N, C-alpha and C. Protein backbone atom coordinates (compact mmCIF):
# COMPACT_ATOMS: atom_id res chain seq x y z
N UNK A 1 -3.63 0.34 14.71
CA UNK A 1 -2.87 1.04 13.60
C UNK A 1 -4.19 2.00 12.76
N UNK A 2 -4.95 1.13 12.53
CA UNK A 2 -6.45 1.74 11.96
C UNK A 2 -6.84 2.87 12.90
N UNK A 3 -6.54 3.14 14.31
CA UNK A 3 -7.15 3.94 15.10
C UNK A 3 -6.45 5.47 14.65
N UNK A 4 -5.16 5.25 14.17
CA UNK A 4 -4.38 6.46 13.94
C UNK A 4 -4.16 6.66 12.34
N UNK A 5 -4.77 6.05 11.86
CA UNK A 5 -4.52 6.29 10.23
C UNK A 5 -5.85 7.57 9.92
N UNK A 6 -5.54 8.58 8.97
CA UNK A 6 -6.64 9.77 8.83
C UNK A 6 -8.24 9.08 8.76
N UNK A 7 -8.78 9.68 8.92
CA UNK A 7 -10.67 9.80 8.54
C UNK A 7 -10.93 8.61 7.76
N UNK A 8 -11.19 7.80 8.04
CA UNK A 8 -11.72 7.16 6.33
C UNK A 8 -11.20 5.96 5.67
N UNK A 9 -9.58 6.29 6.52
CA UNK A 9 -9.00 5.40 5.64
C UNK A 9 -8.49 3.71 6.38
N UNK A 10 -8.39 3.12 5.87
CA UNK A 10 -8.55 1.43 6.25
C UNK A 10 -6.77 1.06 5.86
N UNK A 11 -6.19 0.21 7.05
CA UNK A 11 -4.81 -0.21 6.78
C UNK A 11 -4.97 -0.71 5.07
N UNK A 12 -5.99 -1.36 4.82
CA UNK A 12 -5.75 -1.89 3.51
C UNK A 12 -5.47 -1.01 2.49
N UNK A 13 -6.32 0.28 2.30
CA UNK A 13 -6.01 1.57 1.73
C UNK A 13 -4.70 1.88 1.63
N UNK A 14 -3.94 1.92 3.04
CA UNK A 14 -2.63 2.59 3.34
C UNK A 14 -1.87 1.72 2.32
N UNK A 15 -2.16 0.33 2.56
CA UNK A 15 -1.26 -0.58 2.28
C UNK A 15 -0.89 -0.62 0.22
N UNK A 16 -1.81 0.00 -0.12
CA UNK A 16 -2.12 -0.36 -1.49
C UNK A 16 -1.59 1.03 -1.75
N UNK A 17 -1.91 2.27 -1.19
CA UNK A 17 -1.24 3.72 -1.74
C UNK A 17 0.08 3.63 -1.82
N UNK A 18 0.74 2.67 -0.22
CA UNK A 18 1.91 3.00 0.32
C UNK A 18 2.96 1.98 -0.89
N UNK A 19 2.16 0.80 -1.18
CA UNK A 19 2.99 0.30 -2.48
C UNK A 19 3.02 0.80 -3.75
N UNK A 20 1.86 1.64 -3.83
CA UNK A 20 2.01 2.44 -5.36
C UNK A 20 3.27 3.57 -5.52
N UNK A 21 2.93 4.21 -4.43
CA UNK A 21 4.03 5.32 -3.93
C UNK A 21 5.41 4.73 -4.21
N UNK A 22 5.69 3.55 -3.54
CA UNK A 22 6.97 2.77 -3.92
C UNK A 22 7.61 2.34 -4.90
N UNK A 23 6.93 1.74 -5.74
CA UNK A 23 6.66 1.22 -7.51
C UNK A 23 6.89 2.45 -7.93
N UNK A 24 5.96 3.22 -7.95
CA UNK A 24 6.09 4.63 -8.52
C UNK A 24 5.76 3.81 -10.05
N UNK A 25 5.25 2.99 -10.21
CA UNK A 25 4.25 2.61 -11.43
C UNK A 25 3.10 1.96 -11.40
N UNK A 26 2.50 1.78 -12.35
CA UNK A 26 1.01 1.47 -12.52
C UNK A 26 1.25 -0.02 -12.60
N UNK A 27 0.01 -0.60 -11.95
CA UNK A 27 -0.25 -2.14 -11.55
C UNK A 27 -1.43 -2.57 -12.03
N UNK A 28 -1.86 -3.98 -12.27
CA UNK A 28 -2.77 -4.42 -12.46
C UNK A 28 -3.85 -4.64 -11.58
N UNK A 29 -5.18 -5.00 -11.27
CA UNK A 29 -5.64 -4.96 -9.71
C UNK A 29 -4.90 -6.42 -9.69
N UNK A 30 -5.19 -7.35 -10.58
CA UNK A 30 -4.69 -8.67 -10.86
C UNK A 30 -3.23 -8.79 -9.99
N UNK A 31 -2.37 -7.67 -9.98
CA UNK A 31 -0.72 -8.16 -9.69
C UNK A 31 -1.23 -7.40 -8.35
N UNK A 32 -1.92 -6.27 -8.26
CA UNK A 32 -1.98 -6.31 -6.77
C UNK A 32 -2.62 -7.15 -5.67
N UNK A 33 -3.57 -8.04 -5.94
CA UNK A 33 -4.13 -8.57 -5.81
C UNK A 33 -3.35 -10.13 -4.64
N UNK A 34 -2.50 -10.13 -6.10
CA UNK A 34 -1.39 -11.42 -5.87
C UNK A 34 -0.30 -11.12 -4.70
N UNK A 35 0.18 -9.73 -5.31
CA UNK A 35 1.00 -8.70 -4.14
C UNK A 35 1.08 -9.05 -2.53
N UNK A 36 -0.96 -8.89 -2.10
CA UNK A 36 -1.32 -8.55 -0.72
C UNK A 36 -1.96 -10.04 -0.51
N UNK A 37 -2.03 -10.82 -1.64
CA UNK A 37 -2.34 -12.12 -1.09
C UNK A 37 -3.79 -12.29 -0.90
N UNK A 38 -4.41 -11.57 -1.48
CA UNK A 38 -5.64 -11.49 -1.58
C UNK A 38 -6.69 -11.82 -2.99
N UNK A 39 -8.16 -11.90 -2.53
CA UNK A 39 -8.82 -12.43 -3.67
C UNK A 39 -8.75 -11.14 -4.70
N UNK A 40 -8.76 -11.45 -6.01
CA UNK A 40 -8.70 -9.81 -7.10
C UNK A 40 -10.55 -9.28 -6.59
N UNK A 41 -11.37 -10.13 -6.30
CA UNK A 41 -12.67 -9.57 -5.34
C UNK A 41 -12.27 -8.77 -4.73
N UNK A 42 -11.69 -8.76 -3.83
CA UNK A 42 -11.50 -7.93 -2.33
C UNK A 42 -10.80 -7.00 -2.59
N UNK A 43 -9.44 -7.02 -3.73
CA UNK A 43 -8.63 -5.80 -4.44
C UNK A 43 -9.58 -5.13 -5.04
N UNK A 44 -10.40 -5.83 -5.88
CA UNK A 44 -11.58 -4.41 -6.66
C UNK A 44 -12.45 -3.95 -5.61
N UNK A 45 -12.71 -4.07 -4.48
CA UNK A 45 -13.40 -3.67 -3.58
C UNK A 45 -12.72 -2.15 -2.77
N UNK A 46 -11.50 -2.91 -2.67
CA UNK A 46 -10.53 -1.78 -2.22
C UNK A 46 -10.02 -0.20 -3.12
N UNK A 47 -9.85 -0.95 -4.09
CA UNK A 47 -9.53 -0.30 -5.59
C UNK A 47 -10.65 0.73 -5.67
N UNK A 48 -12.08 0.11 -5.68
CA UNK A 48 -13.15 1.11 -5.80
C UNK A 48 -13.17 2.03 -4.49
N UNK A 49 -12.99 1.96 -3.43
CA UNK A 49 -13.29 2.79 -2.60
C UNK A 49 -11.98 4.09 -2.48
N UNK A 50 -10.62 3.57 -3.16
CA UNK A 50 -9.52 4.26 -3.05
C UNK A 50 -10.22 5.05 -4.39
N UNK A 51 -10.76 5.02 -5.42
CA UNK A 51 -10.71 5.51 -6.69
C UNK A 51 -11.79 6.57 -6.35
N UNK A 52 -13.05 6.15 -5.84
CA UNK A 52 -14.10 7.31 -5.40
C UNK A 52 -13.71 8.47 -4.23
N UNK A 53 -12.30 8.16 -3.56
CA UNK A 53 -11.84 9.05 -2.85
C UNK A 53 -10.99 9.77 -3.60
N UNK A 54 -10.63 9.43 -4.79
CA UNK A 54 -9.94 10.42 -5.55
C UNK A 54 -8.67 9.73 -5.48
N UNK A 55 -8.01 8.45 -4.64
CA UNK A 55 -6.76 8.77 -4.30
C UNK A 55 -5.85 7.66 -5.62
N UNK A 56 -6.62 7.25 -6.14
CA UNK A 56 -6.08 6.44 -7.49
C UNK A 56 -6.64 6.71 -8.79
N UNK A 57 -5.96 6.47 -9.40
CA UNK A 57 -6.58 6.61 -11.13
C UNK A 57 -6.94 5.45 -11.42
N UNK A 58 -8.05 4.19 -12.12
CA UNK A 58 -8.17 3.27 -13.24
C UNK A 58 -8.18 3.81 -14.68
N UNK A 59 -7.52 3.04 -15.20
CA UNK A 59 -7.69 3.29 -16.73
C UNK A 59 -7.46 2.03 -17.37
N UNK A 60 -7.98 1.61 -18.61
CA UNK A 60 -7.80 0.81 -19.59
C UNK A 60 -6.25 0.56 -20.11
N UNK A 61 -6.15 -0.81 -20.06
CA UNK A 61 -4.93 -1.00 -20.72
C UNK A 61 -4.67 -0.90 -22.08
N UNK A 62 -4.44 -0.20 -23.05
CA UNK A 62 -4.40 0.49 -24.65
C UNK A 62 -3.86 -0.73 -25.17
N UNK A 63 -2.85 -1.74 -24.66
CA UNK A 63 -2.48 -2.78 -25.63
C UNK A 63 -3.22 -4.10 -25.21
N UNK A 64 -4.17 -4.34 -24.02
CA UNK A 64 -4.93 -5.21 -23.58
C UNK A 64 -6.37 -4.73 -23.13
N UNK A 65 -7.27 -4.80 -23.80
CA UNK A 65 -8.48 -3.82 -23.40
C UNK A 65 -9.30 -4.89 -22.37
N UNK A 66 -8.56 -6.09 -22.13
CA UNK A 66 -9.64 -6.66 -20.73
C UNK A 66 -8.95 -6.26 -19.43
N UNK A 67 -7.30 -5.29 -19.67
CA UNK A 67 -7.16 -5.69 -18.49
C UNK A 67 -6.96 -4.10 -17.76
N UNK A 68 -7.29 -3.52 -16.84
CA UNK A 68 -6.67 -2.24 -16.25
C UNK A 68 -5.64 -1.95 -15.79
N UNK A 69 -5.11 -0.74 -15.35
CA UNK A 69 -4.31 -0.06 -14.96
C UNK A 69 -4.52 0.57 -13.77
N UNK A 70 -3.80 0.41 -12.93
CA UNK A 70 -3.77 1.33 -11.47
C UNK A 70 -3.02 2.41 -11.41
N UNK A 71 -3.01 3.22 -10.88
CA UNK A 71 -2.11 4.20 -10.73
C UNK A 71 -2.54 5.53 -9.72
N UNK A 72 -1.43 5.79 -8.94
CA UNK A 72 -1.53 6.57 -7.65
C UNK A 72 -2.05 8.40 -8.02
N UNK A 73 -2.44 9.11 -7.60
CA UNK A 73 -2.86 10.07 -8.22
C UNK A 73 -2.20 11.19 -6.97
N UNK A 74 -2.07 12.39 -7.48
CA UNK A 74 -1.61 13.17 -6.18
C UNK A 74 -2.68 13.39 -4.85
N UNK A 75 -3.56 13.57 -5.14
CA UNK A 75 -4.32 12.95 -3.65
C UNK A 75 -4.11 12.02 -2.65
N UNK A 76 -3.83 10.71 -3.51
CA UNK A 76 -3.26 9.52 -3.24
C UNK A 76 -2.14 9.77 -2.35
N UNK A 77 -1.24 10.46 -3.18
CA UNK A 77 0.08 10.55 -2.47
C UNK A 77 0.03 11.53 -1.33
N UNK A 78 -0.78 12.69 -1.50
CA UNK A 78 -0.81 13.11 -0.10
C UNK A 78 -1.74 12.49 0.80
N UNK A 79 -2.39 11.60 0.46
CA UNK A 79 -2.93 10.73 1.75
C UNK A 79 -1.85 9.67 1.96
N UNK A 80 -1.14 9.19 0.98
CA UNK A 80 -0.57 8.43 1.69
C UNK A 80 0.68 9.09 2.99
N UNK A 81 1.05 9.95 1.97
CA UNK A 81 2.33 11.13 3.07
C UNK A 81 1.75 11.07 4.63
N UNK A 82 0.42 11.70 4.43
CA UNK A 82 -0.50 12.08 5.75
C UNK A 82 -0.61 10.95 6.44
N UNK A 83 -0.78 9.49 5.93
CA UNK A 83 -1.13 8.43 6.56
C UNK A 83 0.54 7.64 7.35
N UNK A 84 1.62 8.05 6.40
CA UNK A 84 2.76 7.88 6.65
C UNK A 84 3.55 8.62 8.31
N UNK A 85 2.99 9.65 7.91
CA UNK A 85 3.40 10.65 8.86
C UNK A 85 2.12 10.33 10.26
N UNK A 86 1.48 9.69 10.55
CA UNK A 86 0.70 9.01 11.68
C UNK A 86 0.75 8.12 12.17
N UNK A 87 1.39 7.54 11.19
CA UNK A 87 2.13 6.03 11.69
C UNK A 87 3.70 6.36 12.25
N UNK A 88 4.50 6.99 11.82
CA UNK A 88 5.43 6.97 11.62
C UNK A 88 5.80 7.00 13.71
N UNK A 89 5.28 7.79 14.37
CA UNK A 89 5.73 7.85 15.85
C UNK A 89 5.38 6.78 16.27
N UNK A 90 4.14 5.96 15.98
CA UNK A 90 4.42 4.71 16.81
C UNK A 90 5.22 3.22 16.36
N UNK A 91 5.41 3.79 14.72
CA UNK A 91 6.85 2.69 14.60
C UNK A 91 8.05 3.18 15.46
N UNK A 92 8.07 4.52 15.42
CA UNK A 92 9.57 5.20 16.25
C UNK A 92 9.63 4.44 17.69
N UNK A 93 7.83 4.36 18.31
CA UNK A 93 8.09 3.78 19.69
C UNK A 93 8.29 2.75 19.76
N UNK A 94 7.73 1.46 18.76
CA UNK A 94 8.12 -0.16 18.95
C UNK A 94 9.67 0.12 18.79
N UNK A 95 10.19 0.38 17.71
CA UNK A 95 11.92 0.58 17.43
C UNK A 95 12.47 0.59 18.81
N UNK A 96 11.83 1.85 19.83
CA UNK A 96 12.18 2.13 20.75
C UNK A 96 12.06 0.71 21.94
N UNK A 97 11.12 0.50 22.08
CA UNK A 97 10.94 -0.79 22.85
C UNK A 97 11.38 -1.51 22.72
N UNK A 98 11.83 -2.08 21.33
CA UNK A 98 12.35 -3.58 21.17
C UNK A 98 13.75 -3.26 21.14
N UNK A 99 14.45 -1.92 21.12
CA UNK A 99 15.84 -1.98 20.78
C UNK A 99 16.22 -1.31 19.23
N UNK A 100 17.08 -0.77 18.94
CA UNK A 100 17.59 -0.51 17.73
C UNK A 100 17.85 -1.54 16.75
N UNK A 101 19.09 -2.37 18.38
CA UNK A 101 19.47 -3.26 17.84
C UNK A 101 18.93 -4.49 17.33
N UNK A 102 17.75 -4.71 18.06
CA UNK A 102 17.24 -6.04 17.82
C UNK A 102 16.30 -5.54 16.30
N UNK A 103 15.79 -4.53 16.14
CA UNK A 103 15.34 -4.39 15.05
C UNK A 103 16.43 -4.18 13.49
N UNK A 104 17.15 -3.66 14.03
CA UNK A 104 18.61 -3.77 12.94
C UNK A 104 18.95 -5.38 12.79
N UNK A 105 18.92 -6.05 13.58
CA UNK A 105 18.80 -7.31 13.67
C UNK A 105 18.19 -8.29 12.47
N UNK A 106 16.46 -7.66 12.56
CA UNK A 106 15.62 -8.17 11.83
C UNK A 106 15.40 -7.77 10.34
N UNK A 107 15.72 -6.63 10.53
CA UNK A 107 15.30 -6.35 9.10
C UNK A 107 15.81 -6.59 7.70
N UNK A 108 16.89 -7.50 8.20
CA UNK A 108 17.14 -7.93 6.59
C UNK A 108 16.12 -9.53 6.28
N UNK A 109 15.89 -10.28 7.48
CA UNK A 109 15.23 -11.25 7.17
C UNK A 109 13.66 -10.57 6.91
N UNK A 110 13.46 -9.72 7.51
CA UNK A 110 11.76 -9.04 6.70
C UNK A 110 11.94 -8.84 5.68
N UNK A 111 13.16 -7.64 4.89
CA UNK A 111 13.05 -7.40 3.42
C UNK A 111 12.86 -8.77 3.17
N UNK A 112 13.78 -9.50 3.33
CA UNK A 112 13.90 -10.86 2.48
C UNK A 112 12.52 -11.36 2.38
N UNK A 113 11.83 -11.87 3.69
CA UNK A 113 10.21 -12.12 3.44
C UNK A 113 9.16 -11.41 2.52
N UNK A 114 9.53 -9.79 2.78
CA UNK A 114 8.65 -9.18 1.90
C UNK A 114 9.24 -9.43 -0.01
N UNK A 115 10.18 -9.79 -0.39
CA UNK A 115 10.27 -9.92 -1.45
C UNK A 115 9.66 -11.17 -1.90
N UNK A 116 9.86 -12.57 -0.82
CA UNK A 116 9.62 -13.52 -1.76
C UNK A 116 8.00 -13.53 -1.65
N UNK A 117 7.31 -12.37 -0.66
CA UNK A 117 5.56 -12.75 -0.81
C UNK A 117 5.18 -11.79 -1.92
N UNK A 118 5.86 -11.17 -2.70
CA UNK A 118 5.98 -10.02 -3.65
C UNK A 118 5.91 -10.67 -5.01
N UNK A 119 6.64 -11.66 -4.93
CA UNK A 119 6.97 -12.54 -6.23
C UNK A 119 5.76 -13.61 -6.81
């Protein structure tokens, strides 16, 4: 997967951009770290790279000055869409190789697993 992502984008970057695009809301770095089951330090590192690239905005939480909030930028949305476009053919090929019927059968379990991991 890393080879087909746009230049300079890592899988962790795509995952964060994709999640922010899907939820369409701000998240704290701690919430993102918990969601991806990584340390806060690892998430801070990923977010710093995304901010330098202009893909996210990080701002103070006006209600709690100790926290920061992360939001997807328009450049981040474009980068995510570009990455998704490059990944989609690979996913389509995997679905064809496994058969659509097998993929449809496993999707509910994968959705449940994702929801449990996000808690």
